Amino acid sequence: MTDREPFRTRIKVRHYELDSLGHLNHAVYHSYGEVSRIELFESAGDSRLREENLAPVLLESHIVYRRELRGGDTVDVTCDARFGDGKVFWMTSRILKLDGTLSAEITCTVGLMDLAARRLVDDPRGRFERAGLNLKVLSTGEQ
């Protein structure tokens, strides 16, 4: 276990993102997770991946809604990667109100795609490391 906090992105809920019930539309939660993943990869140095013709690709996404968000709310969206063996890795985002209340949790299965071959590459963690990405930004599990 680590004492490091995962990467965070702050987002304000905009009124045009609300559904007919007056709370954040279900699909927008996924968009917030995507914003956090993109900013996480940018912070870790993903421009080096592009030089190697590689890019992360979302394979599966699952969300659990806990508390509604309404127009004008501000949230922190965390993002943290967990690596294992094989071609995929997992990313978790937690959408938190500023008082710490968990609004939603998103878990994703992600791969690293060779953009020329249009195939997932083996050992995404190793490929990130070889490309010079900051693994400590990507994952709180990195020492």
C-alpha atoms as a PDB file:
ATOM      1  CA  MET A   1       0.000   0.000   0.000  1.00  0.00           C
ATOM      2  CA  THR A   2       1.093   3.569  -0.564  1.00  0.00           C
ATOM      3  CA  ASP A   3       0.556   6.900   1.127  1.00  0.00           C
ATOM      4  CA  ARG A   4       0.715   8.761  -2.187  1.00  0.00           C
ATOM      5  CA  GLU A   5      -2.470  10.298  -3.504  1.00  0.00           C
ATOM      6  CA  PRO A   6      -3.609   9.467  -7.038  1.00  0.00           C
ATOM      7  CA  PHE A   7      -3.563  12.062  -9.806  1.00  0.00           C
ATOM      8  CA  ARG A   8      -6.482  14.546  -9.588  1.00  0.00           C
ATOM      9  CA  THR A   9      -8.311  16.758 -12.042  1.00  0.00           C
ATOM     10  CA  ARG A  10     -10.808  19.392 -10.897  1.00  0.00           C
ATOM     11  CA  ILE A  11     -13.992  19.831 -12.959  1.00  0.00           C
ATOM     12  CA  LYS A  12     -17.051  22.060 -12.512  1.00  0.00           C
ATOM     13  CA  VAL A  13     -20.423  20.544 -13.422  1.00  0.00           C
ATOM     14  CA  ARG A  14     -21.977  22.682 -16.147  1.00  0.00           C
ATOM     15  CA  HIS A  15     -25.719  23.160 -16.394  1.00  0.00           C
ATOM     16  CA  TYR A  16     -25.931  21.887 -19.971  1.00  0.00           C
ATOM     17  CA  GLU A  17     -24.573  18.517 -18.731  1.00  0.00           C
ATOM     18  CA  LEU A  18     -27.678  17.876 -16.626  1.00  0.00           C
ATOM     19  CA  ASP A  19     -30.466  15.465 -17.497  1.00  0.00           C
ATOM     20  CA  SER A  20     -34.229  15.947 -17.118  1.00  0.00           C
ATOM     21  CA  LEU A  21     -34.001  15.050 -13.404  1.00  0.00           C
ATOM     22  CA  GLY A  22     -31.620  17.968 -12.777  1.00  0.00           C
ATOM     23  CA  HIS A  23     -28.531  15.892 -12.076  1.00  0.00           C
ATOM     24  CA  LEU A  24     -25.450  15.091 -14.107  1.00  0.00           C
ATOM     25  CA  ASN A  25     -26.265  12.926 -17.124  1.00  0.00           C
ATOM     26  CA  HIS A  26     -24.956   9.378 -16.748  1.00  0.00           C
ATOM     27  CA  ALA A  27     -22.743   9.563 -19.860  1.00  0.00           C
ATOM     28  CA  VAL A  28     -21.005  12.704 -18.620  1.00  0.00           C
ATOM     29  CA  TYR A  29     -19.572  10.792 -15.650  1.00  0.00           C
ATOM     30  CA  HIS A  30     -17.701   8.669 -18.206  1.00  0.00           C
ATOM     31  CA  SER A  31     -16.509  11.852 -19.928  1.00  0.00           C
ATOM     32  CA  TYR A  32     -15.139  13.132 -16.626  1.00  0.00           C
ATOM     33  CA  GLY A  33     -13.212   9.870 -16.230  1.00  0.00           C
ATOM     34  CA  GLU A  34     -11.834  10.282 -19.747  1.00  0.00           C
ATOM     35  CA  VAL A  35     -10.740  13.863 -19.005  1.00  0.00           C
ATOM     36  CA  SER A  36      -8.847  12.627 -15.957  1.00  0.00           C
ATOM     37  CA  ARG A  37      -7.202   9.749 -17.888  1.00  0.00           C
ATOM     38  CA  ILE A  38      -6.088  12.085 -20.690  1.00  0.00           C
ATOM     39  CA  GLU A  39      -4.660  14.637 -18.253  1.00  0.00           C
ATOM     40  CA  LEU A  40      -2.926  11.869 -16.293  1.00  0.00           C
ATOM     41  CA  PHE A  41      -1.196  10.572 -19.426  1.00  0.00           C
ATOM     42  CA  GLU A  42      -0.226  14.122 -20.446  1.00  0.00           C
ATOM     43  CA  SER A  43       1.273  14.749 -16.994  1.00  0.00           C
ATOM     44  CA  ALA A  44       3.210  11.482 -17.186  1.00  0.00           C
ATOM     45  CA  GLY A  45       4.736  12.482 -20.547  1.00  0.00           C
ATOM     46  CA  ASP A  46       2.624  10.722 -23.161  1.00  0.00           C
ATOM     47  CA  SER A  47       4.083  12.778 -26.030  1.00  0.00           C
ATOM     48  CA  ARG A  48       6.932  10.256 -25.923  1.00  0.00           C
ATOM     49  CA  LEU A  49       4.401   7.506 -26.640  1.00  0.00           C
ATOM     50  CA  ARG A  50       3.277   9.281 -29.780  1.00  0.00           C
ATOM     51  CA  GLU A  51       6.897   9.378 -30.966  1.00  0.00           C
ATOM     52  CA  GLU A  52       6.870   5.558 -30.715  1.00  0.00           C
ATOM     53  CA  ASN A  53       3.479   5.385 -32.469  1.00  0.00           C
ATOM     54  CA  LEU A  54       1.740   4.044 -29.346  1.00  0.00           C
ATOM     55  CA  ALA A  55      -1.446   5.178 -27.601  1.00  0.00           C
ATOM     56  CA  PRO A  56      -3.615   3.950 -24.735  1.00  0.00           C
ATOM     57  CA  VAL A  57      -6.966   2.536 -25.811  1.00  0.00           C
ATOM     58  CA  LEU A  58     -10.035   2.001 -23.641  1.00  0.00           C
ATOM     59  CA  LEU A  59     -11.304  -1.582 -23.824  1.00  0.00           C
ATOM     60  CA  GLU A  60     -13.949  -1.685 -21.098  1.00  0.00           C
ATOM     61  CA  SER A  61     -15.521   0.744 -18.653  1.00  0.00           C
ATOM     62  CA  HIS A  62     -17.730   0.122 -15.626  1.00  0.00           C
ATOM     63  CA  ILE A  63     -19.279   2.764 -13.391  1.00  0.00           C
ATOM     64  CA  VAL A  64     -20.977   2.668 -10.006  1.00  0.00           C
ATOM     65  CA  TYR A  65     -23.031   5.756  -9.137  1.00  0.00           C
ATOM     66  CA  ARG A  66     -23.085   6.709  -5.444  1.00  0.00           C
ATOM     67  CA  ARG A  67     -24.336  10.293  -5.051  1.00  0.00           C
ATOM     68  CA  GLU A  68     -25.846  12.669  -7.562  1.00  0.00           C
ATOM     69  CA  LEU A  69     -24.062  15.714  -8.923  1.00  0.00           C
ATOM     70  CA  ARG A  70     -25.942  18.897  -9.738  1.00  0.00           C
ATOM     71  CA  GLY A  71     -25.209  21.998 -11.765  1.00  0.00           C
ATOM     72  CA  GLY A  72     -22.533  24.182 -10.212  1.00  0.00           C
ATOM     73  CA  ASP A  73     -20.970  21.367  -8.162  1.00  0.00           C
ATOM     74  CA  THR A  74     -17.202  21.095  -8.378  1.00  0.00           C
ATOM     75  CA  VAL A  75     -15.549  17.694  -8.255  1.00  0.00           C
ATOM     76  CA  ASP A  76     -12.099  16.170  -8.134  1.00  0.00           C
ATOM     77  CA  VAL A  77     -11.667  13.220 -10.472  1.00  0.00           C
ATOM     78  CA  THR A  78      -8.831  10.909  -9.492  1.00  0.00           C
ATOM     79  CA  CYS A  79      -7.078   8.496 -11.802  1.00  0.00           C
ATOM     80  CA  ASP A  80      -4.713   5.669 -10.919  1.00  0.00           C
ATOM     81  CA  ALA A  81      -3.285   2.790 -12.963  1.00  0.00           C
ATOM     82  CA  ARG A  82      -2.642  -0.762 -11.816  1.00  0.00           C
ATOM     83  CA  PHE A  83      -0.400  -3.028 -13.865  1.00  0.00           C
ATOM     84  CA  GLY A  84      -0.287  -6.802 -14.087  1.00  0.00           C
ATOM     85  CA  ASP A  85       0.879  -9.329 -16.650  1.00  0.00           C
ATOM     86  CA  GLY A  86      -0.221  -9.413 -20.251  1.00  0.00           C
ATOM     87  CA  LYS A  87      -1.479  -6.789 -22.650  1.00  0.00           C
ATOM     88  CA  VAL A  88      -3.943  -4.913 -20.445  1.00  0.00           C
ATOM     89  CA  PHE A  89      -3.849  -2.752 -17.345  1.00  0.00           C
ATOM     90  CA  TRP A  90      -6.561  -1.209 -15.194  1.00  0.00           C
ATOM     91  CA  MET A  91      -7.380   2.378 -14.328  1.00  0.00           C
ATOM     92  CA  THR A  92      -9.675   3.555 -11.561  1.00  0.00           C
ATOM     93  CA  SER A  93     -11.230   6.999 -11.326  1.00  0.00           C
ATOM     94  CA  ARG A  94     -13.143   8.275  -8.350  1.00  0.00           C
ATOM     95  CA  ILE A  95     -15.400  11.300  -8.760  1.00  0.00           C
ATOM     96  CA  LEU A  96     -15.404  13.128  -5.441  1.00  0.00           C
ATOM     97  CA  LYS A  97     -17.319  16.159  -4.277  1.00  0.00           C
ATOM     98  CA  LEU A  98     -15.072  18.737  -2.620  1.00  0.00           C
ATOM     99  CA  ASP A  99     -16.279  17.611   0.812  1.00  0.00           C
ATOM    100  CA  GLY A 100     -14.916  14.129   0.024  1.00  0.00           C
ATOM    101  CA  THR A 101     -18.258  12.469  -0.779  1.00  0.00           C
ATOM    102  CA  LEU A 102     -17.843   9.747  -3.397  1.00  0.00           C
ATOM    103  CA  SER A 103     -20.184  10.465  -6.300  1.00  0.00           C
ATOM    104  CA  ALA A 104     -19.058   7.676  -8.647  1.00  0.00           C
ATOM    105  CA  GLU A 105     -16.292   5.170  -9.225  1.00  0.00           C
ATOM    106  CA  ILE A 106     -15.185   4.139 -12.704  1.00  0.00           C
ATOM    107  CA  THR A 107     -13.010   1.113 -13.403  1.00  0.00           C
ATOM    108  CA  CYS A 108     -11.532   0.636 -16.855  1.00  0.00           C
ATOM    109  CA  THR A 109      -9.585  -2.009 -18.695  1.00  0.00           C
ATOM    110  CA  VAL A 110      -7.026  -0.337 -20.943  1.00  0.00           C
ATOM    111  CA  GLY A 111      -4.459  -1.526 -23.467  1.00  0.00           C
ATOM    112  CA  LEU A 112      -1.540   0.119 -25.223  1.00  0.00           C
ATOM    113  CA  MET A 113      -2.007   0.038 -28.986  1.00  0.00           C
ATOM    114  CA  ASP A 114       0.643   0.025 -31.696  1.00  0.00           C
ATOM    115  CA  LEU A 115      -0.978   2.549 -34.029  1.00  0.00           C
ATOM    116  CA  ALA A 116       0.680   1.141 -37.183  1.00  0.00           C
ATOM    117  CA  ALA A 117      -0.114  -2.526 -36.516  1.00  0.00           C
ATOM    118  CA  ARG A 118      -3.489  -1.690 -34.860  1.00  0.00           C
ATOM    119  CA  ARG A 119      -2.752  -4.305 -32.193  1.00  0.00           C
ATOM    120  CA  LEU A 120      -2.195  -4.211 -28.453  1.00  0.00           C
ATOM    121  CA  VAL A 121       1.426  -4.509 -27.358  1.00  0.00           C
ATOM    122  CA  ASP A 122       2.711  -6.799 -24.620  1.00  0.00           C
ATOM    123  CA  ASP A 123       3.861  -5.406 -21.263  1.00  0.00           C
ATOM    124  CA  PRO A 124       2.316  -1.914 -21.332  1.00  0.00           C
ATOM    125  CA  ARG A 125       4.057  -0.957 -18.071  1.00  0.00           C
ATOM    126  CA  GLY A 126       7.434  -1.820 -19.576  1.00  0.00           C
ATOM    127  CA  ARG A 127       6.603   0.082 -22.754  1.00  0.00           C
ATOM    128  CA  PHE A 128       5.616   3.149 -20.714  1.00  0.00           C
ATOM    129  CA  GLU A 129       8.874   2.882 -18.785  1.00  0.00           C
ATOM    130  CA  ARG A 130      10.997   2.485 -21.935  1.00  0.00           C
ATOM    131  CA  ALA A 131       9.230   5.474 -23.510  1.00  0.00           C
ATOM    132  CA  GLY A 132      10.215   7.566 -20.477  1.00  0.00           C
ATOM    133  CA  LEU A 133       6.790   8.122 -18.942  1.00  0.00           C
ATOM    134  CA  ASN A 134       6.766   8.901 -15.234  1.00  0.00           C
ATOM    135  CA  LEU A 135       5.332   5.719 -13.728  1.00  0.00           C
ATOM    136  CA  LYS A 136       4.886   7.389 -10.335  1.00  0.00           C
ATOM    137  CA  VAL A 137       2.422   9.804 -11.943  1.00  0.00           C
ATOM    138  CA  LEU A 138       0.543   6.927 -13.603  1.00  0.00           C
ATOM    139  CA  SER A 139       0.283   4.694 -10.559  1.00  0.00           C
ATOM    140  CA  THR A 140       0.405   5.069  -6.793  1.00  0.00           C
ATOM    141  CA  GLY A 141       1.617   1.447  -6.781  1.00  0.00           C
ATOM    142  CA  GLU A 142       4.971   2.485  -8.246  1.00  0.00           C
ATOM    143  CA  GLN A 143       7.836   2.981  -5.809  1.00  0.00           C
END
